[in-house]
Amino acid sequence: MLIGAFALAHTPQLIARPDTEDRDLVLRVHAAFARVKARLTALRPDALAVIAGDHIEAFFLDAVPALAVYVGRECAGTFGPYEYRFPIHESLARAVVEQGIERGFDLLYTQDRRLDYAFFVPLHFTMPEPAPPIVPLHVNVYLPPQPTPRRCYEWGRALGEILGSRPERIALIASGGMSHYPGTDRYASPDFDWDRRVLETLQAGRGSDLAAVTGEELDKTGNIELRTWITLLGAVGDRPADVYCYEPSWHHGNAVVEWRV
């Protein structure tokens, strides 16, 4: 059963904390993460299903799946000085693959790819106690052609049905966003106004509206990672969101959001 849903920033500066960052802003996002950790601890999930992209850590031009599921006993990766390893809820992961394929989604599965920091950063701050195993769910957000927002929403709806039918208590987390333009001349000019309009839409319980956004618009507004959020929205439906925080740094919109399910 699905017991909770959250969308979390994975901005690297939130954990690396270089001198370029506003310390108070970073601490406010940390405080929002702490609220999520408290909520997850209270919810007592048996597993965390984490939807995230990949910064060319696991997949590159030789093999780029639109959608993938990590199966096997564990997953691991590195980010700066951090080495991380998480147990996988293997039976749940395999059920997602099998039932996803039955629902018409041609999912790739892997047992040995590196786990990107997009999965690690939010878990570093919000992993509940006791720590449950995870199911990493990859959505291609970076290397074109990416899945359309509509396809992400449809996959999320199927995912919600799969997780909702399981006996385990499962919390769903989407990692990514908001607006940022890494590696471009717009790096210092995120589209904060677009971010705020999206958050207002989510607070109003109109998450399905984002299924109609085009990939071109996501790219234009620096929100290609919002595909992970749109996947989550398919799973939770049009429920109003509780925005814990929105902190616009000089290069990135940082949001922490909960949907009570």
Protein backbone atom coordinates (compact mmCIF):
# COMPACT_ATOMS: atom_id res chain seq x y z
CA MET A 1 0.00 0.00 0.00
CA LEU A 2 1.11 3.54 -0.72
CA ILE A 3 1.37 5.47 2.56
CA GLY A 4 3.15 8.71 1.62
CA ALA A 5 4.60 10.70 -1.27
CA PHE A 6 7.27 13.40 -1.36
CA ALA A 7 9.19 15.44 -3.94
CA LEU A 8 12.66 16.56 -2.89
CA ALA A 9 15.49 18.62 -4.34
CA HIS A 10 18.82 16.87 -4.85
CA THR A 11 20.89 19.99 -5.49
CA PRO A 12 24.53 18.93 -4.90
CA GLN A 13 25.33 22.17 -3.09
CA LEU A 14 22.88 21.20 -0.33
CA ILE A 15 25.30 18.50 0.77
CA ALA A 16 28.64 19.88 -0.46
CA ARG A 17 27.88 23.37 0.94
CA PRO A 18 30.52 25.36 -0.98
CA ASP A 19 31.27 28.98 -0.12
CA THR A 20 29.17 30.11 -3.09
CA GLU A 21 25.95 29.18 -1.27
CA ASP A 22 23.73 31.21 1.05
CA ARG A 23 24.20 29.36 4.35
CA ASP A 24 20.81 30.34 5.77
CA LEU A 25 19.03 29.20 2.59
CA VAL A 26 20.78 25.82 2.72
CA LEU A 27 19.82 25.40 6.38
CA ARG A 28 16.18 26.18 5.61
CA VAL A 29 16.13 23.40 3.01
CA HIS A 30 17.83 21.11 5.54
CA ALA A 31 15.04 21.93 8.00
CA ALA A 32 12.44 20.93 5.41
CA PHE A 33 14.32 17.68 4.83
CA ALA A 34 14.23 17.07 8.59
CA ARG A 35 10.44 17.41 8.50
CA VAL A 36 10.31 14.77 5.78
CA LYS A 37 12.52 12.47 7.84
CA ALA A 38 10.22 12.87 10.83
CA ARG A 39 7.19 12.14 8.67
CA LEU A 40 8.79 9.03 7.18
CA THR A 41 9.85 7.81 10.61
CA ALA A 42 6.26 8.20 11.81
CA LEU A 43 4.85 6.47 8.72
CA ARG A 44 7.08 3.39 9.27
CA PRO A 45 7.47 2.35 5.62
CA ASP A 46 8.62 -1.15 4.73
CA ALA A 47 10.23 0.25 1.57
CA LEU A 48 11.03 3.54 -0.15
CA ALA A 49 10.38 3.70 -3.88
CA VAL A 50 12.62 6.49 -5.20
CA ILE A 51 12.11 8.05 -8.64
CA ALA A 52 15.19 9.88 -9.94
CA GLY A 53 17.21 10.66 -13.03
CA ASP A 54 20.80 9.86 -13.82
CA HIS A 55 23.68 12.30 -14.38
CA ILE A 56 25.45 9.85 -16.71
CA GLU A 57 26.54 7.71 -13.77
CA ALA A 58 24.61 4.56 -14.69
CA PHE A 59 23.60 5.06 -18.31
CA PHE A 60 25.30 6.74 -21.27
CA LEU A 61 25.04 6.70 -25.04
CA ASP A 62 25.67 2.97 -25.32
CA ALA A 63 22.39 2.21 -23.50
CA VAL A 64 19.86 4.83 -22.42
CA PRO A 65 16.55 3.44 -21.15
CA ALA A 66 13.56 5.73 -20.87
CA LEU A 67 12.44 3.92 -17.72
CA ALA A 68 14.36 1.43 -15.58
CA VAL A 69 14.16 -0.39 -12.25
CA TYR A 70 17.09 -1.43 -10.07
CA VAL A 71 16.63 -5.02 -8.89
CA GLY A 72 18.96 -7.38 -7.06
CA ARG A 73 20.07 -7.31 -3.45
CA GLU A 74 21.68 -3.87 -3.23
CA CYS A 75 22.80 -0.77 -5.11
CA ALA A 76 25.76 1.52 -4.55
CA GLY A 77 27.54 4.63 -5.77
CA THR A 78 29.84 7.49 -4.84
CA PHE A 79 29.48 11.25 -4.68
CA GLY A 80 32.52 13.31 -3.72
CA PRO A 81 33.76 11.90 -0.40
CA TYR A 82 30.58 9.88 0.11
CA GLU A 83 30.38 6.18 -0.62
CA TYR A 84 26.87 4.84 -0.24
CA ARG A 85 25.18 1.47 -0.40
CA PHE A 86 21.50 0.66 0.03
CA PRO A 87 19.69 -2.67 0.27
CA ILE A 88 16.99 -3.16 -2.36
CA HIS A 89 13.56 -4.55 -1.57
CA GLU A 90 14.07 -7.26 -4.17
CA SER A 91 10.61 -8.82 -4.25
CA LEU A 92 8.97 -5.40 -4.60
CA ALA A 93 11.41 -4.30 -7.31
CA ARG A 94 10.77 -7.43 -9.34
CA ALA A 95 7.02 -7.03 -8.91
CA VAL A 96 7.28 -3.50 -10.32
CA VAL A 97 9.14 -4.82 -13.37
CA GLU A 98 6.82 -7.74 -14.01
CA GLN A 99 3.57 -5.89 -13.42
CA GLY A 100 4.81 -2.81 -15.23
CA ILE A 101 5.49 -4.90 -18.33
CA GLU A 102 2.04 -6.47 -18.00
CA ARG A 103 0.63 -2.93 -18.09
CA GLY A 104 2.44 -2.11 -21.34
CA PHE A 105 5.66 -0.45 -20.11
CA ASP A 106 8.85 -1.91 -21.56
CA LEU A 107 11.01 -1.49 -18.47
CA LEU A 108 14.73 -2.08 -18.38
CA TYR A 109 16.03 -3.66 -15.19
CA THR A 110 19.57 -3.73 -13.87
CA GLN A 111 21.44 -5.35 -11.00
CA ASP A 112 24.84 -3.69 -11.30
CA ARG A 113 24.63 -0.06 -12.49
CA ARG A 114 26.01 2.72 -10.28
CA LEU A 115 23.38 4.56 -8.27
CA ASP A 116 23.42 8.26 -9.12
CA TYR A 117 23.64 11.00 -6.49
CA ALA A 118 20.10 12.04 -7.45
CA PHE A 119 19.01 9.03 -5.39
CA PHE A 120 21.59 9.52 -2.64
CA VAL A 121 21.24 13.21 -1.74
CA PRO A 122 17.59 13.17 -0.62
CA LEU A 123 18.07 9.84 1.17
CA HIS A 124 21.13 11.22 2.97
CA PHE A 125 18.90 13.81 4.63
CA THR A 126 15.57 12.01 4.95
CA MET A 127 16.17 8.28 5.46
CA PRO A 128 13.82 7.32 8.31
CA GLU A 129 14.71 5.31 11.37
CA PRO A 130 14.76 2.34 11.21
CA ALA A 131 16.03 2.50 7.63
CA PRO A 132 13.97 0.47 5.14
CA PRO A 133 15.25 -1.00 1.86
CA ILE A 134 14.66 0.98 -1.33
CA VAL A 135 13.49 0.45 -4.90
CA PRO A 136 15.31 2.85 -7.26
CA LEU A 137 13.17 3.83 -10.26
CA HIS A 138 15.08 5.53 -13.08
CA VAL A 139 13.48 8.06 -15.44
CA ASN A 140 15.64 9.43 -18.25
CA VAL A 141 15.62 13.19 -17.74
CA TYR A 142 18.87 14.20 -19.44
CA LEU A 143 19.73 12.39 -22.67
CA PRO A 144 17.29 12.99 -25.53
CA PRO A 145 14.93 11.66 -26.56
CA GLN A 146 13.42 11.62 -23.08
CA PRO A 147 9.99 10.18 -22.27
CA THR A 148 7.23 12.71 -22.71
CA PRO A 149 5.57 14.20 -19.62
CA ARG A 150 2.38 12.38 -20.64
CA ARG A 151 4.23 9.05 -20.72
CA CYS A 152 5.79 9.76 -17.32
CA TYR A 153 2.35 10.49 -15.88
CA GLU A 154 0.95 7.30 -17.35
CA TRP A 155 3.84 5.28 -15.93
CA GLY A 156 3.24 6.91 -12.57
CA ARG A 157 -0.43 5.95 -12.67
CA ALA A 158 0.51 2.32 -13.36
CA LEU A 159 3.16 2.49 -10.65
CA GLY A 160 0.59 3.77 -8.18
CA GLU A 161 -1.66 0.82 -8.97
CA ILE A 162 1.22 -1.62 -8.51
CA LEU A 163 2.39 -0.13 -5.21
CA GLY A 164 -1.18 0.29 -3.96
CA SER A 165 -1.89 -3.42 -4.44
CA ARG A 166 1.15 -4.56 -2.46
CA PRO A 167 1.03 -5.67 1.20
CA GLU A 168 4.12 -3.61 2.12
CA ARG A 169 3.85 -0.07 3.46
CA ILE A 170 5.56 1.97 0.72
CA ALA A 171 6.55 5.63 0.62
CA LEU A 172 7.17 7.18 -2.80
CA ILE A 173 9.85 9.83 -3.32
CA ALA A 174 10.56 11.89 -6.45
CA SER A 175 14.03 13.44 -6.63
CA GLY A 176 14.85 16.48 -8.76
CA GLY A 177 14.23 20.07 -9.66
CA MET A 178 13.33 22.70 -9.72
CA SER A 179 14.52 25.16 -12.39
CA HIS A 180 18.24 25.14 -13.18
CA TYR A 181 20.42 25.32 -16.29
CA PRO A 182 23.67 23.44 -15.59
CA GLY A 183 26.46 23.90 -18.10
CA THR A 184 24.81 26.83 -19.90
CA ASP A 185 25.03 30.62 -19.96
CA ARG A 186 21.68 30.69 -18.11
CA TYR A 187 23.11 29.01 -15.02
CA ALA A 188 22.59 32.12 -12.89
CA SER A 189 19.07 32.78 -14.22
CA PRO A 190 16.63 30.01 -13.23
CA ASP A 191 12.95 30.45 -14.07
CA PHE A 192 11.66 30.94 -10.54
CA ASP A 193 8.32 32.36 -11.70
CA TRP A 194 7.54 29.15 -13.59
CA ASP A 195 8.51 27.12 -10.52
CA ARG A 196 6.12 29.08 -8.35
CA ARG A 197 3.25 28.64 -10.81
CA VAL A 198 3.87 24.88 -10.78
CA LEU A 199 3.84 24.78 -6.99
CA GLU A 200 0.57 26.75 -6.92
CA THR A 201 -0.91 24.21 -9.34
CA LEU A 202 0.18 21.36 -7.06
CA GLN A 203 -1.17 23.07 -3.95
CA ALA A 204 -4.51 23.41 -5.74
CA GLY A 205 -4.60 19.64 -6.33
CA ARG A 206 -4.24 19.90 -10.10
CA GLY A 207 -1.15 17.75 -10.57
CA SER A 208 -2.60 16.10 -13.66
CA ASP A 209 -2.24 19.47 -15.44
CA LEU A 210 1.50 18.81 -15.66
CA ALA A 211 0.89 15.76 -17.85
CA ALA A 212 -0.02 18.22 -20.61
CA VAL A 213 3.26 20.16 -20.38
CA THR A 214 5.55 19.59 -23.35
CA GLY A 215 9.12 18.42 -23.20
CA GLU A 216 10.07 21.63 -24.99
CA GLU A 217 8.55 23.71 -22.18
CA LEU A 218 10.38 21.69 -19.52
CA ASP A 219 13.64 22.31 -21.35
CA LYS A 220 12.94 26.01 -21.84
CA THR A 221 12.17 26.56 -18.14
CA GLY A 222 15.10 24.51 -16.82
CA ASN A 223 12.80 21.80 -15.49
CA ILE A 224 13.75 18.66 -17.38
CA GLU A 225 14.01 16.85 -14.03
CA LEU A 226 10.33 17.54 -13.35
CA ARG A 227 9.64 14.30 -15.21
CA THR A 228 10.30 12.50 -11.92
CA TRP A 229 7.69 14.67 -10.17
CA ILE A 230 5.20 14.09 -12.99
CA THR A 231 5.71 10.33 -12.56
CA LEU A 232 4.90 10.67 -8.86
CA LEU A 233 1.85 12.79 -9.69
CA GLY A 234 0.49 9.97 -11.82
CA ALA A 235 0.72 7.72 -8.76
CA VAL A 236 -0.93 10.08 -6.25
CA GLY A 237 -3.54 11.67 -8.52
CA ASP A 238 -5.01 15.12 -8.02
CA ARG A 239 -4.32 15.48 -4.31
CA PRO A 240 -3.34 18.89 -2.91
CA ALA A 241 0.33 19.27 -2.11
CA ASP A 242 1.85 20.62 1.08
CA VAL A 243 4.85 22.73 0.06
CA TYR A 244 7.32 22.57 2.94
CA CYS A 245 9.62 25.10 1.31
CA TYR A 246 10.65 26.76 -1.90
CA GLU A 247 14.10 28.32 -1.73
CA PRO A 248 15.38 29.98 -4.90
CA SER A 249 19.17 30.07 -4.81
CA TRP A 250 21.18 31.99 -7.38
CA HIS A 251 21.35 28.91 -9.61
CA HIS A 252 18.59 26.50 -8.58
CA GLY A 253 15.02 26.36 -7.32
CA ASN A 254 14.96 24.09 -4.26
CA ALA A 255 11.58 22.63 -3.27
CA VAL A 256 10.39 20.09 -0.71
CA VAL A 257 6.80 18.90 -1.09
CA GLU A 258 4.49 16.28 0.45
CA TRP A 259 1.26 14.65 -0.71
CA ARG A 260 -0.68 12.91 2.04
CA VAL A 261 -2.01 9.60 0.77
